[in-house]
Amino acid sequence: MKTADYIEMKIPAKPEFVGVARLTLSGIASRMGFSYDTIEDLKIATSEAITNAVQHAYKEEGGEVLIGFGLYKDHLEVVVSDNGKSFNFHETKEALGPYTEQSVEFLREGGLGLYLIETLMDEVKVHQKEGITLFMTKYLEGERVERDAETIST
């Protein structure tokens, strides 16, 4: 399945720029038809991922956090990459493995942020290469149930 649209932004790895990404995400999710509560969940999960990158990925030297939004007909994929380098969305997605308990170990100490992200999102995948790229998927209400039902019935 191809994305209908892909939006990418880079922000300085500084706490004061997390809100810029939240505003962008809110506009995209609203345009796609997500409910207010789901948009709030998306904003919390994305903020957590970006904040983790800001706090842990670059320490003192600073850097950039790349945030990507893959807009599909039935879902939104939010990508947060803390190596600051642009990447090929589809290639990186193909290289992903499933989320495992080991993911918590290399992500961040404690892993509470990842637990929160996984609770709020429908799917979470992690890619580690020159940094960490987190793919978070949220389905439009009702779309996930219909898709799962089709898989079971075939």
C-alpha atoms as a PDB file:
ATOM      1  CA  MET A   1       0.000   0.000   0.000  1.00  0.00           C
ATOM      2  CA  LYS A   2       1.419   3.374  -1.016  1.00  0.00           C
ATOM      3  CA  THR A   3       1.018   6.465   1.079  1.00  0.00           C
ATOM      4  CA  ALA A   4      -1.336   9.027  -0.292  1.00  0.00           C
ATOM      5  CA  ASP A   5       0.882  11.739   1.163  1.00  0.00           C
ATOM      6  CA  TYR A   6       4.077  11.960   3.186  1.00  0.00           C
ATOM      7  CA  ILE A   7       5.013  14.992   5.252  1.00  0.00           C
ATOM      8  CA  GLU A   8       8.408  15.346   6.876  1.00  0.00           C
ATOM      9  CA  MET A   9       9.813  17.955   9.235  1.00  0.00           C
ATOM     10  CA  LYS A  10      13.018  18.416  11.172  1.00  0.00           C
ATOM     11  CA  ILE A  11      13.157  20.241  14.456  1.00  0.00           C
ATOM     12  CA  PRO A  12      16.113  21.182  16.633  1.00  0.00           C
ATOM     13  CA  ALA A  13      16.543  18.665  19.454  1.00  0.00           C
ATOM     14  CA  LYS A  14      15.327  21.184  22.017  1.00  0.00           C
ATOM     15  CA  PRO A  15      12.261  20.903  24.279  1.00  0.00           C
ATOM     16  CA  GLU A  16      10.753  24.175  23.060  1.00  0.00           C
ATOM     17  CA  PHE A  17      10.203  22.721  19.570  1.00  0.00           C
ATOM     18  CA  VAL A  18       8.156  19.680  20.636  1.00  0.00           C
ATOM     19  CA  GLY A  19       5.018  21.845  20.498  1.00  0.00           C
ATOM     20  CA  VAL A  20       5.636  22.642  16.831  1.00  0.00           C
ATOM     21  CA  ALA A  21       5.479  18.945  15.984  1.00  0.00           C
ATOM     22  CA  ARG A  22       2.378  18.509  18.152  1.00  0.00           C
ATOM     23  CA  LEU A  23       0.595  21.332  16.292  1.00  0.00           C
ATOM     24  CA  THR A  24       1.529  19.841  12.923  1.00  0.00           C
ATOM     25  CA  LEU A  25       0.325  16.397  13.991  1.00  0.00           C
ATOM     26  CA  SER A  26      -2.921  17.843  15.332  1.00  0.00           C
ATOM     27  CA  GLY A  27      -3.637  19.539  11.994  1.00  0.00           C
ATOM     28  CA  ILE A  28      -2.851  16.418   9.976  1.00  0.00           C
ATOM     29  CA  ALA A  29      -4.892  14.080  12.189  1.00  0.00           C
ATOM     30  CA  SER A  30      -7.834  16.489  12.256  1.00  0.00           C
ATOM     31  CA  ARG A  31      -7.797  16.726   8.460  1.00  0.00           C
ATOM     32  CA  MET A  32      -7.779  12.912   8.239  1.00  0.00           C
ATOM     33  CA  GLY A  33     -10.908  12.680  10.404  1.00  0.00           C
ATOM     34  CA  PHE A  34      -9.534  11.391  13.704  1.00  0.00           C
ATOM     35  CA  SER A  35     -11.646  12.114  16.797  1.00  0.00           C
ATOM     36  CA  TYR A  36     -10.569  14.662  19.408  1.00  0.00           C
ATOM     37  CA  ASP A  37      -9.654  11.915  21.924  1.00  0.00           C
ATOM     38  CA  THR A  38      -7.605  10.001  19.361  1.00  0.00           C
ATOM     39  CA  ILE A  39      -5.782  13.182  18.341  1.00  0.00           C
ATOM     40  CA  GLU A  40      -4.905  13.733  22.010  1.00  0.00           C
ATOM     41  CA  ASP A  41      -3.536  10.162  22.215  1.00  0.00           C
ATOM     42  CA  LEU A  42      -1.511  10.745  19.044  1.00  0.00           C
ATOM     43  CA  LYS A  43      -0.095  13.986  20.460  1.00  0.00           C
ATOM     44  CA  ILE A  44       0.895  12.337  23.766  1.00  0.00           C
ATOM     45  CA  ALA A  45       2.597   9.367  22.066  1.00  0.00           C
ATOM     46  CA  THR A  46       4.421  11.562  19.554  1.00  0.00           C
ATOM     47  CA  SER A  47       5.472  14.066  22.205  1.00  0.00           C
ATOM     48  CA  GLU A  48       6.861  11.217  24.301  1.00  0.00           C
ATOM     49  CA  ALA A  49       8.877   9.872  21.363  1.00  0.00           C
ATOM     50  CA  ILE A  50      10.243  13.320  20.472  1.00  0.00           C
ATOM     51  CA  THR A  51      10.993  14.191  24.101  1.00  0.00           C
ATOM     52  CA  ASN A  52      12.927  10.923  24.477  1.00  0.00           C
ATOM     53  CA  ALA A  53      15.009  11.848  21.442  1.00  0.00           C
ATOM     54  CA  VAL A  54      15.610  15.378  22.721  1.00  0.00           C
ATOM     55  CA  GLN A  55      16.600  14.216  26.211  1.00  0.00           C
ATOM     56  CA  HIS A  56      18.637  11.137  25.393  1.00  0.00           C
ATOM     57  CA  ALA A  57      19.837  10.987  21.803  1.00  0.00           C
ATOM     58  CA  TYR A  58      22.093  13.993  21.606  1.00  0.00           C
ATOM     59  CA  LYS A  59      23.102  14.763  25.201  1.00  0.00           C
ATOM     60  CA  GLU A  60      24.905  18.118  25.110  1.00  0.00           C
ATOM     61  CA  GLU A  61      25.931  18.435  21.456  1.00  0.00           C
ATOM     62  CA  GLY A  62      22.453  19.135  20.144  1.00  0.00           C
ATOM     63  CA  GLY A  63      21.091  17.840  16.880  1.00  0.00           C
ATOM     64  CA  GLU A  64      17.866  17.405  14.988  1.00  0.00           C
ATOM     65  CA  VAL A  65      14.862  15.163  15.329  1.00  0.00           C
ATOM     66  CA  LEU A  66      13.114  14.094  12.144  1.00  0.00           C
ATOM     67  CA  ILE A  67       9.358  13.590  12.294  1.00  0.00           C
ATOM     68  CA  GLY A  68       7.525  12.000   9.393  1.00  0.00           C
ATOM     69  CA  PHE A  69       3.813  11.528   8.805  1.00  0.00           C
ATOM     70  CA  GLY A  70       2.625   8.829   6.394  1.00  0.00           C
ATOM     71  CA  LEU A  71      -1.014   9.560   5.507  1.00  0.00           C
ATOM     72  CA  TYR A  72      -2.926   6.491   4.353  1.00  0.00           C
ATOM     73  CA  LYS A  73      -6.635   6.137   3.588  1.00  0.00           C
ATOM     74  CA  ASP A  74      -7.313   4.204   6.811  1.00  0.00           C
ATOM     75  CA  HIS A  75      -4.418   5.100   9.128  1.00  0.00           C
ATOM     76  CA  LEU A  76      -1.631   7.488  10.040  1.00  0.00           C
ATOM     77  CA  GLU A  77       1.982   6.483  10.566  1.00  0.00           C
ATOM     78  CA  VAL A  78       4.100   8.796  12.659  1.00  0.00           C
ATOM     79  CA  VAL A  79       7.857   8.324  12.441  1.00  0.00           C
ATOM     80  CA  VAL A  80      10.312   9.838  14.893  1.00  0.00           C
ATOM     81  CA  SER A  81      14.000   9.480  14.098  1.00  0.00           C
ATOM     82  CA  ASP A  82      16.602  10.768  16.485  1.00  0.00           C
ATOM     83  CA  ASN A  83      19.642  10.602  14.247  1.00  0.00           C
ATOM     84  CA  GLY A  84      18.463  13.777  12.534  1.00  0.00           C
ATOM     85  CA  LYS A  85      19.265  12.456   9.071  1.00  0.00           C
ATOM     86  CA  SER A  86      16.711  12.149   6.339  1.00  0.00           C
ATOM     87  CA  PHE A  87      15.811   8.582   5.435  1.00  0.00           C
ATOM     88  CA  ASN A  88      13.865   6.661   2.849  1.00  0.00           C
ATOM     89  CA  PHE A  89      10.466   6.074   4.471  1.00  0.00           C
ATOM     90  CA  HIS A  90       9.660   2.860   2.588  1.00  0.00           C
ATOM     91  CA  GLU A  91      13.157   1.315   2.845  1.00  0.00           C
ATOM     92  CA  THR A  92      13.322   1.968   6.562  1.00  0.00           C
ATOM     93  CA  LYS A  93       9.811   0.602   7.021  1.00  0.00           C
ATOM     94  CA  GLU A  94      10.737  -2.598   5.166  1.00  0.00           C
ATOM     95  CA  ALA A  95      13.748  -3.098   7.465  1.00  0.00           C
ATOM     96  CA  LEU A  96      11.659  -2.895  10.643  1.00  0.00           C
ATOM     97  CA  GLY A  97      11.360  -5.707  13.076  1.00  0.00           C
ATOM     98  CA  PRO A  98       8.514  -6.204  15.496  1.00  0.00           C
ATOM     99  CA  TYR A  99       8.598  -4.494  18.867  1.00  0.00           C
ATOM    100  CA  THR A 100      10.196  -6.808  21.435  1.00  0.00           C
ATOM    101  CA  GLU A 101      11.202  -6.548  25.071  1.00  0.00           C
ATOM    102  CA  GLN A 102      14.787  -6.015  23.875  1.00  0.00           C
ATOM    103  CA  SER A 103      13.609  -2.830  22.170  1.00  0.00           C
ATOM    104  CA  VAL A 104      13.110  -1.258  25.578  1.00  0.00           C
ATOM    105  CA  GLU A 105      16.749  -1.924  26.513  1.00  0.00           C
ATOM    106  CA  PHE A 106      18.244   0.042  23.638  1.00  0.00           C
ATOM    107  CA  LEU A 107      15.526   2.685  23.502  1.00  0.00           C
ATOM    108  CA  ARG A 108      15.755   4.393  26.848  1.00  0.00           C
ATOM    109  CA  GLU A 109      16.395   3.531  30.446  1.00  0.00           C
ATOM    110  CA  GLY A 110      13.198   2.546  32.209  1.00  0.00           C
ATOM    111  CA  GLY A 111      11.208   2.076  29.020  1.00  0.00           C
ATOM    112  CA  LEU A 112       8.113   3.762  30.492  1.00  0.00           C
ATOM    113  CA  GLY A 113       7.894   6.121  27.517  1.00  0.00           C
ATOM    114  CA  LEU A 114       7.796   3.204  25.092  1.00  0.00           C
ATOM    115  CA  TYR A 115       5.160   1.478  27.216  1.00  0.00           C
ATOM    116  CA  LEU A 116       3.007   4.629  27.107  1.00  0.00           C
ATOM    117  CA  ILE A 117       3.508   4.955  23.348  1.00  0.00           C
ATOM    118  CA  GLU A 118       2.554   1.321  22.764  1.00  0.00           C
ATOM    119  CA  THR A 119      -0.557   1.716  24.935  1.00  0.00           C
ATOM    120  CA  LEU A 120      -1.784   4.756  22.976  1.00  0.00           C
ATOM    121  CA  MET A 121      -0.931   3.573  19.464  1.00  0.00           C
ATOM    122  CA  ASP A 122      -2.245   0.588  17.487  1.00  0.00           C
ATOM    123  CA  GLU A 123       1.186  -0.574  16.272  1.00  0.00           C
ATOM    124  CA  VAL A 124       4.721   0.349  17.290  1.00  0.00           C
ATOM    125  CA  LYS A 125       7.867  -0.749  15.461  1.00  0.00           C
ATOM    126  CA  VAL A 126      11.475   0.113  16.162  1.00  0.00           C
ATOM    127  CA  HIS A 127      14.439   0.381  13.806  1.00  0.00           C
ATOM    128  CA  GLN A 128      17.930   0.899  15.181  1.00  0.00           C
ATOM    129  CA  LYS A 129      20.624   2.089  12.792  1.00  0.00           C
ATOM    130  CA  GLU A 130      22.813   5.149  13.465  1.00  0.00           C
ATOM    131  CA  GLY A 131      20.123   6.149  15.940  1.00  0.00           C
ATOM    132  CA  ILE A 132      16.598   5.061  16.656  1.00  0.00           C
ATOM    133  CA  THR A 133      13.601   5.328  14.363  1.00  0.00           C
ATOM    134  CA  LEU A 134      10.197   4.698  15.880  1.00  0.00           C
ATOM    135  CA  PHE A 135       7.198   3.941  13.627  1.00  0.00           C
ATOM    136  CA  MET A 136       3.851   4.474  15.349  1.00  0.00           C
ATOM    137  CA  THR A 137       0.575   3.607  13.619  1.00  0.00           C
ATOM    138  CA  LYS A 138      -2.934   4.752  14.502  1.00  0.00           C
ATOM    139  CA  TYR A 139      -5.975   3.540  12.551  1.00  0.00           C
ATOM    140  CA  LEU A 140      -9.039   5.659  11.929  1.00  0.00           C
ATOM    141  CA  GLU A 141     -11.880   4.544  14.199  1.00  0.00           C
ATOM    142  CA  GLY A 142     -13.522   1.383  12.899  1.00  0.00           C
ATOM    143  CA  GLU A 143     -10.909   0.784  10.186  1.00  0.00           C
ATOM    144  CA  ARG A 144      -8.752  -1.526  12.333  1.00  0.00           C
ATOM    145  CA  VAL A 145     -11.716  -3.756  13.240  1.00  0.00           C
ATOM    146  CA  GLU A 146     -12.822  -4.019   9.610  1.00  0.00           C
ATOM    147  CA  ARG A 147      -9.287  -4.815   8.431  1.00  0.00           C
ATOM    148  CA  ASP A 148      -8.840  -7.531  11.099  1.00  0.00           C
ATOM    149  CA  ALA A 149     -12.238  -9.029  10.221  1.00  0.00           C
ATOM    150  CA  GLU A 150     -11.243  -9.234   6.551  1.00  0.00           C
ATOM    151  CA  THR A 151      -7.998 -11.012   7.491  1.00  0.00           C
ATOM    152  CA  ILE A 152      -9.880 -13.591   9.594  1.00  0.00           C
ATOM    153  CA  SER A 153     -12.550 -14.248   6.968  1.00  0.00           C
ATOM    154  CA  THR A 154     -10.076 -14.906   4.128  1.00  0.00           C
END
